[in-house]
C-alpha atoms as a PDB file:
ATOM      1  CA  UNK A   1      86.430  93.135 107.083  1.00  0.00           C
ATOM      2  CA  UNK A   2      82.296  92.552 107.056  1.00  0.00           C
ATOM      3  CA  UNK A   3      81.070  92.134 103.641  1.00  0.00           C
ATOM      4  CA  UNK A   4      79.365  96.271 103.113  1.00  0.00           C
ATOM      5  CA  UNK A   5      83.283  96.955 104.427  1.00  0.00           C
ATOM      6  CA  UNK A   6      85.194  94.551 101.595  1.00  0.00           C
ATOM      7  CA  UNK A   7      82.940  95.741  98.937  1.00  0.00           C
ATOM      8  CA  UNK A   8      83.579  99.171  99.833  1.00  0.00           C
ATOM      9  CA  UNK A   9      87.084  99.064  99.807  1.00  0.00           C
ATOM     10  CA  UNK A  10      87.014  97.152  95.918  1.00  0.00           C
ATOM     11  CA  UNK A  11      85.660  99.943  95.261  1.00  0.00           C
ATOM     12  CA  UNK A  12      87.662 102.583  95.750  1.00  0.00           C
ATOM     13  CA  UNK A  13      90.319 100.537  94.409  1.00  0.00           C
ATOM     14  CA  UNK A  14      88.787 100.280  91.251  1.00  0.00           C
ATOM     15  CA  UNK A  15      90.279 102.012  87.923  1.00  0.00           C
ATOM     16  CA  UNK A  16      93.147 103.259  90.013  1.00  0.00           C
ATOM     17  CA  UNK A  17      96.796 101.826  90.215  1.00  0.00           C
ATOM     18  CA  UNK A  18      95.463  99.335  93.014  1.00  0.00           C
ATOM     19  CA  UNK A  19      92.983  98.086  91.165  1.00  0.00           C
ATOM     20  CA  UNK A  20      93.947  93.848  89.953  1.00  0.00           C
ATOM     21  CA  UNK A  21      92.288  91.586  87.890  1.00  0.00           C
ATOM     22  CA  UNK A  22      89.913  88.444  88.930  1.00  0.00           C
ATOM     23  CA  UNK A  23      89.436  84.994  86.994  1.00  0.00           C
ATOM     24  CA  UNK A  24      86.343  84.843  88.269  1.00  0.00           C
ATOM     25  CA  UNK A  25      83.092  81.700  87.723  1.00  0.00           C
ATOM     26  CA  UNK A  26      80.515  83.628  85.932  1.00  0.00           C
ATOM     27  CA  UNK A  27      77.265  82.395  85.309  1.00  0.00           C
ATOM     28  CA  UNK A  28      78.645  79.698  83.335  1.00  0.00           C
ATOM     29  CA  UNK A  29      81.222  80.911  82.074  1.00  0.00           C
ATOM     30  CA  UNK A  30      84.287  83.138  83.222  1.00  0.00           C
ATOM     31  CA  UNK A  31      84.787  85.906  83.962  1.00  0.00           C
ATOM     32  CA  UNK A  32      87.879  87.760  84.333  1.00  0.00           C
ATOM     33  CA  UNK A  33      86.514  91.926  86.362  1.00  0.00           C
ATOM     34  CA  UNK A  34      89.075  94.438  87.907  1.00  0.00           C
ATOM     35  CA  UNK A  35      88.681  94.560  91.984  1.00  0.00           C
ATOM     36  CA  UNK A  36      85.238  97.601  92.760  1.00  0.00           C
ATOM     37  CA  UNK A  37      83.619  96.481  89.024  1.00  0.00           C
ATOM     38  CA  UNK A  38      80.966  94.832  88.007  1.00  0.00           C
ATOM     39  CA  UNK A  39      80.858  94.538  85.111  1.00  0.00           C
ATOM     40  CA  UNK A  40      83.187  91.941  83.753  1.00  0.00           C
ATOM     41  CA  UNK A  41      86.571  92.586  81.668  1.00  0.00           C
ATOM     42  CA  UNK A  42      86.160  89.742  79.223  1.00  0.00           C
ATOM     43  CA  UNK A  43      83.933  86.593  79.077  1.00  0.00           C
ATOM     44  CA  UNK A  44      84.889  83.051  77.958  1.00  0.00           C
ATOM     45  CA  UNK A  45      83.986  79.405  77.898  1.00  0.00           C
ATOM     46  CA  UNK A  46      87.490  78.908  78.169  1.00  0.00           C
ATOM     47  CA  UNK A  47      88.894  78.680  82.171  1.00  0.00           C
ATOM     48  CA  UNK A  48      92.115  79.342  80.141  1.00  0.00           C
ATOM     49  CA  UNK A  49      91.196  82.093  77.799  1.00  0.00           C
ATOM     50  CA  UNK A  50      89.412  84.397  80.592  1.00  0.00           C
ATOM     51  CA  UNK A  51      93.347  83.681  82.652  1.00  0.00           C
ATOM     52  CA  UNK A  52      95.137  84.498  79.479  1.00  0.00           C
ATOM     53  CA  UNK A  53      92.956  88.011  79.366  1.00  0.00           C
ATOM     54  CA  UNK A  54      93.559  89.020  83.179  1.00  0.00           C
ATOM     55  CA  UNK A  55      97.667  87.624  82.337  1.00  0.00           C
ATOM     56  CA  UNK A  56      97.924  90.398  79.180  1.00  0.00           C
ATOM     57  CA  UNK A  57      95.997  93.125  81.690  1.00  0.00           C
ATOM     58  CA  UNK A  58      98.038  92.355  84.377  1.00  0.00           C
ATOM     59  CA  UNK A  59     100.751  93.593  82.296  1.00  0.00           C
ATOM     60  CA  UNK A  60      99.160  96.499  80.013  1.00  0.00           C
ATOM     61  CA  UNK A  61      97.561  98.103  83.784  1.00  0.00           C
ATOM     62  CA  UNK A  62     101.470  97.055  86.671  1.00  0.00           C
ATOM     63  CA  UNK A  63      99.079  94.842  88.426  1.00  0.00           C
ATOM     64  CA  UNK A  64      98.449  91.773  89.799  1.00  0.00           C
ATOM     65  CA  UNK A  65      95.538  88.985  88.230  1.00  0.00           C
ATOM     66  CA  UNK A  66      94.272  86.608  91.036  1.00  0.00           C
ATOM     67  CA  UNK A  67      92.505  82.838  89.539  1.00  0.00           C
ATOM     68  CA  UNK A  68      89.910  82.001  91.204  1.00  0.00           C
ATOM     69  CA  UNK A  69      88.103  78.536  91.813  1.00  0.00           C
ATOM     70  CA  UNK A  70      85.144  77.550  90.762  1.00  0.00           C
ATOM     71  CA  UNK A  71      84.436  78.183  94.397  1.00  0.00           C
ATOM     72  CA  UNK A  72      85.773  81.081  94.642  1.00  0.00           C
ATOM     73  CA  UNK A  73      88.876  80.033  96.343  1.00  0.00           C
ATOM     74  CA  UNK A  74      92.137  81.697  94.828  1.00  0.00           C
ATOM     75  CA  UNK A  75      94.709  79.041  93.123  1.00  0.00           C
ATOM     76  CA  UNK A  76      96.961  81.073  90.728  1.00  0.00           C
ATOM     77  CA  UNK A  77      98.505  84.679  91.003  1.00  0.00           C
ATOM     78  CA  UNK A  78     100.713  86.003  88.366  1.00  0.00           C
ATOM     79  CA  UNK A  79     102.205  89.243  90.360  1.00  0.00           C
ATOM     80  CA  UNK A  80     102.678  92.428  87.521  1.00  0.00           C
ATOM     81  CA  UNK A  81     103.631  95.320  90.043  1.00  0.00           C
ATOM     82  CA  UNK A  82     106.309  96.966  89.580  1.00  0.00           C
ATOM     83  CA  UNK A  83     107.807  98.913  91.917  1.00  0.00           C
END
């Protein structure tokens, strides 16, 4: 999947039941971002706080929270999807 296709895929999921939350490095902080949206839902200087917020949002929205490392790889995932 090209970068352009990937961005379009996530943009289409934004605001839907399929959108997930990602804890990602953001400037010199950590952010919780919903797939497909440019602006973070939440920012903090603490990765642990960002993880807590992402888990809270994922639970509320019956979706998944992904935690990325400082280099961008997925380290953990918390799945709250209901089937």
